Amino acid sequence: MKTTKNYFNYLFIALTLVFSISLSSCSDDDENVGSKNDLIGTWQCIHSEGYEKDNKYPEDNDKWDEDYKNGYVITFNDDKTFNHEGEEGTWSLSGNKLTMNYKGYYEGEDWTEVWKILELNTNTFVFELHEKDSEGDFYTKETLKKISD
């Protein structure tokens, strides 16, 4: 009887550990944080924070944490195109990753950015962008509010 009780205690502990490990190993990188329908519309930046570090010209390094009354505007269309202050392109949404394909954005060349969505609902859109290479390090976290559907 005592052996059976110990067996069930060990089994319970083992199952609890396996369950805990399986939950903690889940990544939130693919987490769904809103939908295409939430994204469609016109958004205005109300807050931006981040930094830029230039390895070649450290005097150009910058850090910011700003609120805006009339920040930049970006429109996401139902046909998966966007307009960002006159720059146009296409977008795609997968989990919490928003891929922005700018047309002719950088010196006439196409440019792609992948934004990590932190929050997306019918009123608020928060994302971050982090790019790091041999030339430097750039990070920004942007908060936008929807101004029209």
N, C-alpha and C. Protein backbone atom coordinates (compact mmCIF):
# COMPACT_ATOMS: atom_id res chain seq x y z
N MET A 1 0.83 -1.19 0.00
CA MET A 1 0.00 0.00 0.00
C MET A 1 0.87 1.25 0.00
N LYS A 2 1.89 1.26 0.85
CA LYS A 2 2.78 2.41 0.93
C LYS A 2 3.53 2.59 -0.39
N THR A 3 3.90 1.51 -1.04
CA THR A 3 4.61 1.56 -2.32
C THR A 3 3.71 2.18 -3.39
N THR A 4 2.45 1.80 -3.41
CA THR A 4 1.51 2.35 -4.38
C THR A 4 1.33 3.84 -4.16
N LYS A 5 1.24 4.25 -2.91
CA LYS A 5 1.09 5.68 -2.59
C LYS A 5 2.32 6.46 -3.05
N ASN A 6 3.51 5.93 -2.79
CA ASN A 6 4.75 6.58 -3.24
C ASN A 6 4.79 6.66 -4.76
N TYR A 7 4.37 5.58 -5.42
CA TYR A 7 4.35 5.55 -6.88
C TYR A 7 3.49 6.70 -7.42
N PHE A 8 2.29 6.87 -6.88
CA PHE A 8 1.40 7.93 -7.35
C PHE A 8 1.95 9.32 -7.02
N ASN A 9 2.63 9.46 -5.89
CA ASN A 9 3.26 10.74 -5.57
C ASN A 9 4.34 11.08 -6.58
N TYR A 10 5.20 10.08 -6.90
CA TYR A 10 6.25 10.30 -7.90
C TYR A 10 5.67 10.58 -9.28
N LEU A 11 4.61 9.85 -9.62
CA LEU A 11 3.96 10.06 -10.92
C LEU A 11 3.37 11.47 -10.99
N PHE A 12 2.73 11.92 -9.93
CA PHE A 12 2.16 13.26 -9.89
C PHE A 12 3.25 14.32 -10.04
N ILE A 13 4.35 14.16 -9.33
CA ILE A 13 5.46 15.11 -9.41
C ILE A 13 6.04 15.13 -10.82
N ALA A 14 6.24 13.94 -11.39
CA ALA A 14 6.81 13.86 -12.74
C ALA A 14 5.89 14.52 -13.77
N LEU A 15 4.60 14.24 -13.69
CA LEU A 15 3.66 14.86 -14.63
C LEU A 15 3.59 16.37 -14.45
N THR A 16 3.65 16.83 -13.22
CA THR A 16 3.65 18.27 -12.96
C THR A 16 4.88 18.93 -13.57
N LEU A 17 6.04 18.30 -13.42
CA LEU A 17 7.27 18.84 -14.01
C LEU A 17 7.20 18.87 -15.53
N VAL A 18 6.74 17.78 -16.13
CA VAL A 18 6.63 17.73 -17.60
C VAL A 18 5.68 18.81 -18.09
N PHE A 19 4.55 18.96 -17.43
CA PHE A 19 3.57 19.96 -17.83
C PHE A 19 4.15 21.37 -17.68
N SER A 20 4.84 21.63 -16.59
CA SER A 20 5.44 22.95 -16.36
C SER A 20 6.50 23.27 -17.40
N ILE A 21 7.34 22.30 -17.71
CA ILE A 21 8.39 22.51 -18.71
C ILE A 21 7.79 22.76 -20.08
N SER A 22 6.75 22.00 -20.43
CA SER A 22 6.15 22.18 -21.75
C SER A 22 5.50 23.55 -21.88
N LEU A 23 4.92 24.06 -20.82
CA LEU A 23 4.32 25.40 -20.88
C LEU A 23 5.38 26.48 -20.95
N SER A 24 6.45 26.34 -20.21
CA SER A 24 7.48 27.37 -20.19
C SER A 24 8.31 27.38 -21.46
N SER A 25 8.32 26.30 -22.22
CA SER A 25 9.11 26.27 -23.44
C SER A 25 8.37 26.86 -24.62
N CYS A 26 7.10 27.18 -24.45
CA CYS A 26 6.35 27.79 -25.54
C CYS A 26 6.87 29.20 -25.78
N SER A 27 7.12 29.53 -27.01
CA SER A 27 7.63 30.85 -27.37
C SER A 27 6.48 31.78 -27.68
N ASP A 28 6.62 33.04 -27.32
CA ASP A 28 5.59 34.01 -27.65
C ASP A 28 5.89 34.72 -28.96
N ASP A 29 6.96 34.32 -29.68
CA ASP A 29 7.30 34.97 -30.94
C ASP A 29 6.22 34.78 -32.00
N ASP A 30 5.47 33.69 -31.92
CA ASP A 30 4.44 33.43 -32.92
C ASP A 30 3.05 33.72 -32.38
N GLU A 31 2.99 34.36 -31.24
CA GLU A 31 1.72 34.65 -30.59
C GLU A 31 0.87 35.56 -31.47
N ASN A 32 -0.41 35.25 -31.54
CA ASN A 32 -1.32 36.11 -32.28
C ASN A 32 -1.72 37.27 -31.39
N VAL A 33 -1.52 38.48 -31.88
CA VAL A 33 -1.84 39.67 -31.10
C VAL A 33 -2.68 40.61 -31.94
N GLY A 34 -3.84 40.20 -32.30
CA GLY A 34 -4.68 41.01 -33.16
C GLY A 34 -4.86 40.33 -34.50
N SER A 35 -5.62 40.99 -35.35
CA SER A 35 -5.94 40.39 -36.64
C SER A 35 -5.77 41.40 -37.76
N LYS A 36 -5.88 40.89 -38.97
CA LYS A 36 -5.83 41.75 -40.16
C LYS A 36 -6.91 42.83 -40.06
N ASN A 37 -8.09 42.46 -39.60
CA ASN A 37 -9.18 43.43 -39.49
C ASN A 37 -8.86 44.54 -38.50
N ASP A 38 -8.13 44.21 -37.43
CA ASP A 38 -7.72 45.23 -36.47
C ASP A 38 -6.72 46.20 -37.11
N LEU A 39 -5.86 45.68 -37.98
CA LEU A 39 -4.79 46.48 -38.57
C LEU A 39 -5.30 47.43 -39.66
N ILE A 40 -6.32 47.01 -40.41
CA ILE A 40 -6.82 47.81 -41.53
C ILE A 40 -7.30 49.17 -41.03
N GLY A 41 -6.82 50.24 -41.67
CA GLY A 41 -7.23 51.59 -41.31
C GLY A 41 -6.04 52.52 -41.28
N THR A 42 -6.28 53.72 -40.77
CA THR A 42 -5.24 54.75 -40.70
C THR A 42 -4.85 54.96 -39.25
N TRP A 43 -3.53 54.94 -39.01
CA TRP A 43 -2.96 55.03 -37.68
C TRP A 43 -2.04 56.24 -37.58
N GLN A 44 -1.99 56.84 -36.39
CA GLN A 44 -1.09 57.96 -36.15
C GLN A 44 -0.21 57.65 -34.95
N CYS A 45 1.09 57.94 -35.09
CA CYS A 45 2.04 57.71 -34.00
C CYS A 45 1.79 58.72 -32.88
N ILE A 46 1.67 58.20 -31.66
CA ILE A 46 1.48 59.08 -30.50
C ILE A 46 2.66 58.99 -29.53
N HIS A 47 3.52 57.96 -29.70
CA HIS A 47 4.68 57.83 -28.82
C HIS A 47 5.76 57.01 -29.53
N SER A 48 7.00 57.42 -29.32
CA SER A 48 8.14 56.70 -29.88
C SER A 48 9.28 56.72 -28.87
N GLU A 49 9.91 55.57 -28.71
CA GLU A 49 11.09 55.50 -27.85
C GLU A 49 12.09 54.55 -28.48
N GLY A 50 13.35 54.82 -28.25
CA GLY A 50 14.36 53.93 -28.81
C GLY A 50 15.74 54.55 -28.82
N TYR A 51 16.60 53.95 -29.64
CA TYR A 51 17.97 54.44 -29.74
C TYR A 51 18.55 54.07 -31.10
N GLU A 52 19.60 54.80 -31.44
CA GLU A 52 20.38 54.50 -32.64
C GLU A 52 21.85 54.63 -32.28
N LYS A 53 22.61 53.59 -32.54
CA LYS A 53 24.05 53.59 -32.27
C LYS A 53 24.77 53.37 -33.59
N ASP A 54 25.64 54.30 -33.94
CA ASP A 54 26.40 54.23 -35.18
C ASP A 54 27.85 53.91 -34.84
N ASN A 55 28.32 52.76 -35.29
CA ASN A 55 29.69 52.34 -34.96
C ASN A 55 30.74 53.21 -35.63
N LYS A 56 30.46 53.71 -36.82
CA LYS A 56 31.43 54.52 -37.56
C LYS A 56 31.45 55.97 -37.08
N TYR A 57 30.26 56.49 -36.75
CA TYR A 57 30.14 57.88 -36.31
C TYR A 57 29.41 57.93 -34.96
N PRO A 58 30.10 57.61 -33.87
CA PRO A 58 29.44 57.58 -32.56
C PRO A 58 28.86 58.92 -32.14
N GLU A 59 29.35 60.01 -32.72
CA GLU A 59 28.78 61.32 -32.39
C GLU A 59 27.34 61.45 -32.89
N ASP A 60 26.92 60.56 -33.80
CA ASP A 60 25.55 60.56 -34.30
C ASP A 60 24.62 59.67 -33.48
N ASN A 61 25.13 59.05 -32.43
CA ASN A 61 24.28 58.19 -31.60
C ASN A 61 23.13 59.02 -31.03
N ASP A 62 21.99 58.38 -30.87
CA ASP A 62 20.81 59.10 -30.43
C ASP A 62 19.95 58.19 -29.56
N LYS A 63 19.19 58.81 -28.67
CA LYS A 63 18.24 58.12 -27.82
C LYS A 63 17.02 59.02 -27.68
N TRP A 64 15.83 58.44 -27.70
CA TRP A 64 14.63 59.27 -27.62
C TRP A 64 13.52 58.56 -26.85
N ASP A 65 12.60 59.37 -26.35
CA ASP A 65 11.40 58.92 -25.65
C ASP A 65 10.43 60.09 -25.74
N GLU A 66 9.61 60.10 -26.79
CA GLU A 66 8.81 61.28 -27.14
C GLU A 66 7.33 60.95 -27.29
N ASP A 67 6.48 61.86 -26.84
CA ASP A 67 5.05 61.83 -27.13
C ASP A 67 4.79 62.79 -28.28
N TYR A 68 3.80 62.46 -29.13
CA TYR A 68 3.49 63.30 -30.29
C TYR A 68 2.00 63.61 -30.35
N LYS A 69 1.70 64.85 -30.73
CA LYS A 69 0.31 65.23 -31.01
C LYS A 69 0.00 65.01 -32.48
N ASN A 70 0.98 65.24 -33.34
CA ASN A 70 0.79 65.10 -34.78
C ASN A 70 1.91 64.23 -35.37
N GLY A 71 2.02 63.01 -34.87
CA GLY A 71 3.05 62.09 -35.35
C GLY A 71 2.75 61.59 -36.75
N TYR A 72 3.67 60.80 -37.28
CA TYR A 72 3.51 60.29 -38.64
C TYR A 72 2.23 59.46 -38.75
N VAL A 73 1.75 59.33 -39.98
CA VAL A 73 0.52 58.60 -40.27
C VAL A 73 0.84 57.46 -41.23
N ILE A 74 0.24 56.31 -40.98
CA ILE A 74 0.39 55.15 -41.86
C ILE A 74 -0.99 54.51 -42.06
N THR A 75 -1.29 54.17 -43.31
CA THR A 75 -2.57 53.55 -43.66
C THR A 75 -2.33 52.14 -44.17
N PHE A 76 -3.02 51.19 -43.57
CA PHE A 76 -2.99 49.80 -44.01
C PHE A 76 -4.30 49.52 -44.73
N ASN A 77 -4.21 49.11 -45.99
CA ASN A 77 -5.38 48.84 -46.81
C ASN A 77 -5.72 47.35 -46.81
N ASP A 78 -6.99 47.07 -47.09
CA ASP A 78 -7.49 45.70 -47.12
C ASP A 78 -6.80 44.84 -48.19
N ASP A 79 -6.29 45.48 -49.25
CA ASP A 79 -5.61 44.73 -50.32
C ASP A 79 -4.14 44.46 -50.00
N LYS A 80 -3.75 44.66 -48.75
CA LYS A 80 -2.39 44.42 -48.23
C LYS A 80 -1.36 45.38 -48.82
N THR A 81 -1.80 46.60 -49.13
CA THR A 81 -0.88 47.68 -49.47
C THR A 81 -0.91 48.68 -48.33
N PHE A 82 0.11 49.55 -48.28
CA PHE A 82 0.14 50.57 -47.25
C PHE A 82 0.73 51.85 -47.82
N ASN A 83 0.47 52.95 -47.12
CA ASN A 83 1.07 54.24 -47.41
C ASN A 83 1.59 54.79 -46.09
N HIS A 84 2.89 55.06 -46.05
CA HIS A 84 3.55 55.54 -44.83
C HIS A 84 4.23 56.85 -45.17
N GLU A 85 3.50 57.96 -44.96
CA GLU A 85 4.04 59.30 -45.23
C GLU A 85 4.57 59.39 -46.67
N GLY A 86 3.80 58.89 -47.63
CA GLY A 86 4.18 58.97 -49.03
C GLY A 86 4.95 57.77 -49.54
N GLU A 87 5.51 56.97 -48.66
CA GLU A 87 6.18 55.74 -49.07
C GLU A 87 5.13 54.64 -49.16
N GLU A 88 5.20 53.85 -50.23
CA GLU A 88 4.19 52.82 -50.44
C GLU A 88 4.82 51.44 -50.49
N GLY A 89 3.98 50.44 -50.30
CA GLY A 89 4.46 49.08 -50.38
C GLY A 89 3.37 48.09 -50.04
N THR A 90 3.79 46.88 -49.71
CA THR A 90 2.86 45.82 -49.34
C THR A 90 3.20 45.33 -47.95
N TRP A 91 2.22 44.72 -47.31
CA TRP A 91 2.42 44.19 -45.97
C TRP A 91 1.84 42.79 -45.86
N SER A 92 2.36 42.03 -44.90
CA SER A 92 1.78 40.72 -44.57
C SER A 92 1.88 40.53 -43.07
N LEU A 93 0.90 39.82 -42.53
CA LEU A 93 0.80 39.61 -41.09
C LEU A 93 0.83 38.11 -40.81
N SER A 94 1.74 37.69 -39.93
CA SER A 94 1.83 36.29 -39.53
C SER A 94 2.14 36.23 -38.04
N GLY A 95 1.18 35.78 -37.26
CA GLY A 95 1.36 35.77 -35.81
C GLY A 95 1.56 37.18 -35.31
N ASN A 96 2.68 37.43 -34.64
CA ASN A 96 2.95 38.78 -34.15
C ASN A 96 4.02 39.48 -34.99
N LYS A 97 4.23 39.02 -36.21
CA LYS A 97 5.20 39.64 -37.13
C LYS A 97 4.47 40.33 -38.27
N LEU A 98 4.77 41.61 -38.46
CA LEU A 98 4.23 42.38 -39.57
C LEU A 98 5.38 42.69 -40.50
N THR A 99 5.34 42.15 -41.71
CA THR A 99 6.40 42.38 -42.69
C THR A 99 5.98 43.52 -43.60
N MET A 100 6.84 44.53 -43.67
CA MET A 100 6.59 45.73 -44.47
C MET A 100 7.58 45.75 -45.63
N ASN A 101 7.06 45.66 -46.86
CA ASN A 101 7.90 45.70 -48.07
C ASN A 101 7.73 47.06 -48.72
N TYR A 102 8.68 47.95 -48.48
CA TYR A 102 8.65 49.29 -49.05
C TYR A 102 9.15 49.24 -50.49
N LYS A 103 8.49 49.96 -51.38
CA LYS A 103 8.89 50.00 -52.79
C LYS A 103 9.73 51.25 -53.05
N GLY A 104 10.99 51.04 -53.43
CA GLY A 104 11.88 52.16 -53.75
C GLY A 104 12.19 53.05 -52.58
N TYR A 105 12.13 52.51 -51.38
CA TYR A 105 12.27 53.29 -50.15
C TYR A 105 13.70 53.76 -49.91
N TYR A 106 14.67 52.89 -50.08
CA TYR A 106 16.04 53.19 -49.71
C TYR A 106 16.88 53.38 -50.96
N GLU A 107 17.22 54.62 -51.27
CA GLU A 107 18.03 54.96 -52.45
C GLU A 107 17.47 54.31 -53.71
N GLY A 108 16.14 54.33 -53.84
CA GLY A 108 15.48 53.77 -55.01
C GLY A 108 15.34 52.26 -54.99
N GLU A 109 15.84 51.63 -53.96
CA GLU A 109 15.77 50.17 -53.84
C GLU A 109 14.61 49.79 -52.91
N ASP A 110 14.08 48.59 -53.14
CA ASP A 110 13.06 48.08 -52.24
C ASP A 110 13.69 47.79 -50.87
N TRP A 111 12.88 47.85 -49.84
CA TRP A 111 13.36 47.69 -48.48
C TRP A 111 12.32 46.90 -47.68
N THR A 112 12.76 45.97 -46.88
CA THR A 112 11.85 45.18 -46.06
C THR A 112 12.18 45.35 -44.59
N GLU A 113 11.15 45.55 -43.79
CA GLU A 113 11.28 45.60 -42.33
C GLU A 113 10.30 44.59 -41.74
N VAL A 114 10.70 43.97 -40.65
CA VAL A 114 9.80 43.06 -39.93
C VAL A 114 9.57 43.64 -38.55
N TRP A 115 8.34 44.05 -38.31
CA TRP A 115 7.97 44.65 -37.04
C TRP A 115 7.40 43.57 -36.13
N LYS A 116 7.80 43.59 -34.87
CA LYS A 116 7.23 42.68 -33.88
C LYS A 116 6.08 43.41 -33.20
N ILE A 117 4.88 42.87 -33.35
CA ILE A 117 3.70 43.50 -32.76
C ILE A 117 3.60 43.11 -31.29
N LEU A 118 3.53 44.11 -30.44
CA LEU A 118 3.38 43.89 -29.00
C LEU A 118 1.92 43.99 -28.58
N GLU A 119 1.17 44.84 -29.27
CA GLU A 119 -0.26 45.01 -28.98
C GLU A 119 -0.95 45.48 -30.25
N LEU A 120 -2.09 44.88 -30.56
CA LEU A 120 -2.89 45.31 -31.70
C LEU A 120 -4.34 45.02 -31.41
N ASN A 121 -5.14 46.08 -31.37
CA ASN A 121 -6.58 45.94 -31.24
C ASN A 121 -7.23 47.03 -32.08
N THR A 122 -8.50 47.25 -31.93
CA THR A 122 -9.20 48.21 -32.79
C THR A 122 -8.79 49.65 -32.55
N ASN A 123 -8.12 49.96 -31.44
CA ASN A 123 -7.74 51.34 -31.13
C ASN A 123 -6.24 51.57 -30.98
N THR A 124 -5.48 50.55 -30.62
CA THR A 124 -4.06 50.71 -30.28
C THR A 124 -3.21 49.71 -31.05
N PHE A 125 -2.06 50.21 -31.52
CA PHE A 125 -1.10 49.39 -32.26
C PHE A 125 0.28 49.73 -31.70
N VAL A 126 0.93 48.76 -31.06
CA VAL A 126 2.27 48.95 -30.50
C VAL A 126 3.19 47.92 -31.15
N PHE A 127 4.31 48.39 -31.69
CA PHE A 127 5.25 47.47 -32.30
C PHE A 127 6.67 47.90 -31.98
N GLU A 128 7.60 46.97 -32.18
CA GLU A 128 9.01 47.31 -32.04
C GLU A 128 9.76 46.80 -33.25
N LEU A 129 10.85 47.49 -33.53
CA LEU A 129 11.73 47.14 -34.63
C LEU A 129 13.15 47.20 -34.10
N HIS A 130 13.90 46.13 -34.30
CA HIS A 130 15.29 46.09 -33.85
C HIS A 130 16.14 45.59 -35.00
N GLU A 131 17.09 46.41 -35.42
CA GLU A 131 18.01 46.05 -36.49
C GLU A 131 19.43 46.27 -36.00
N LYS A 132 20.25 45.24 -36.16
CA LYS A 132 21.64 45.34 -35.70
C LYS A 132 22.53 44.69 -36.75
N ASP A 133 23.61 45.39 -37.10
CA ASP A 133 24.59 44.84 -38.03
C ASP A 133 25.96 45.43 -37.71
N SER A 134 26.91 45.23 -38.58
CA SER A 134 28.27 45.70 -38.31
C SER A 134 28.38 47.22 -38.26
N GLU A 135 27.42 47.92 -38.86
CA GLU A 135 27.45 49.39 -38.88
C GLU A 135 26.85 50.01 -37.63
N GLY A 136 25.98 49.27 -36.94
CA GLY A 136 25.37 49.85 -35.76
C GLY A 136 24.19 49.07 -35.25
N ASP A 137 23.41 49.74 -34.42
CA ASP A 137 22.30 49.12 -33.72
C ASP A 137 21.16 50.13 -33.67
N PHE A 138 19.96 49.70 -34.08
CA PHE A 138 18.80 50.57 -34.09
C PHE A 138 17.64 49.83 -33.43
N TYR A 139 16.95 50.53 -32.52
CA TYR A 139 15.77 49.97 -31.87
C TYR A 139 14.74 51.07 -31.72
N THR A 140 13.48 50.73 -32.02
CA THR A 140 12.39 51.66 -31.76
C THR A 140 11.15 50.89 -31.33
N LYS A 141 10.42 51.49 -30.42
CA LYS A 141 9.11 50.98 -30.00
C LYS A 141 8.13 52.11 -30.26
N GLU A 142 7.13 51.83 -31.09
CA GLU A 142 6.18 52.85 -31.53
C GLU A 142 4.78 52.52 -31.01
N THR A 143 4.07 53.54 -30.56
CA THR A 143 2.68 53.40 -30.16
C THR A 143 1.84 54.27 -31.08
N LEU A 144 0.84 53.64 -31.71
CA LEU A 144 -0.03 54.35 -32.64
C LEU A 144 -1.47 54.22 -32.19
N LYS A 145 -2.28 55.22 -32.55
CA LYS A 145 -3.72 55.15 -32.29
C LYS A 145 -4.43 55.18 -33.64
N LYS A 146 -5.55 54.48 -33.71
CA LYS A 146 -6.32 54.45 -34.95
C LYS A 146 -7.10 55.75 -35.08
N ILE A 147 -6.98 56.40 -36.25
CA ILE A 147 -7.70 57.65 -36.46
C ILE A 147 -8.82 57.50 -37.48
N SER A 148 -8.83 56.40 -38.24
CA SER A 148 -9.98 56.09 -39.10
C SER A 148 -9.90 54.64 -39.57
N ASP A 149 -11.07 54.08 -39.86
CA ASP A 149 -11.14 52.69 -40.35
C ASP A 149 -10.88 52.63 -41.84
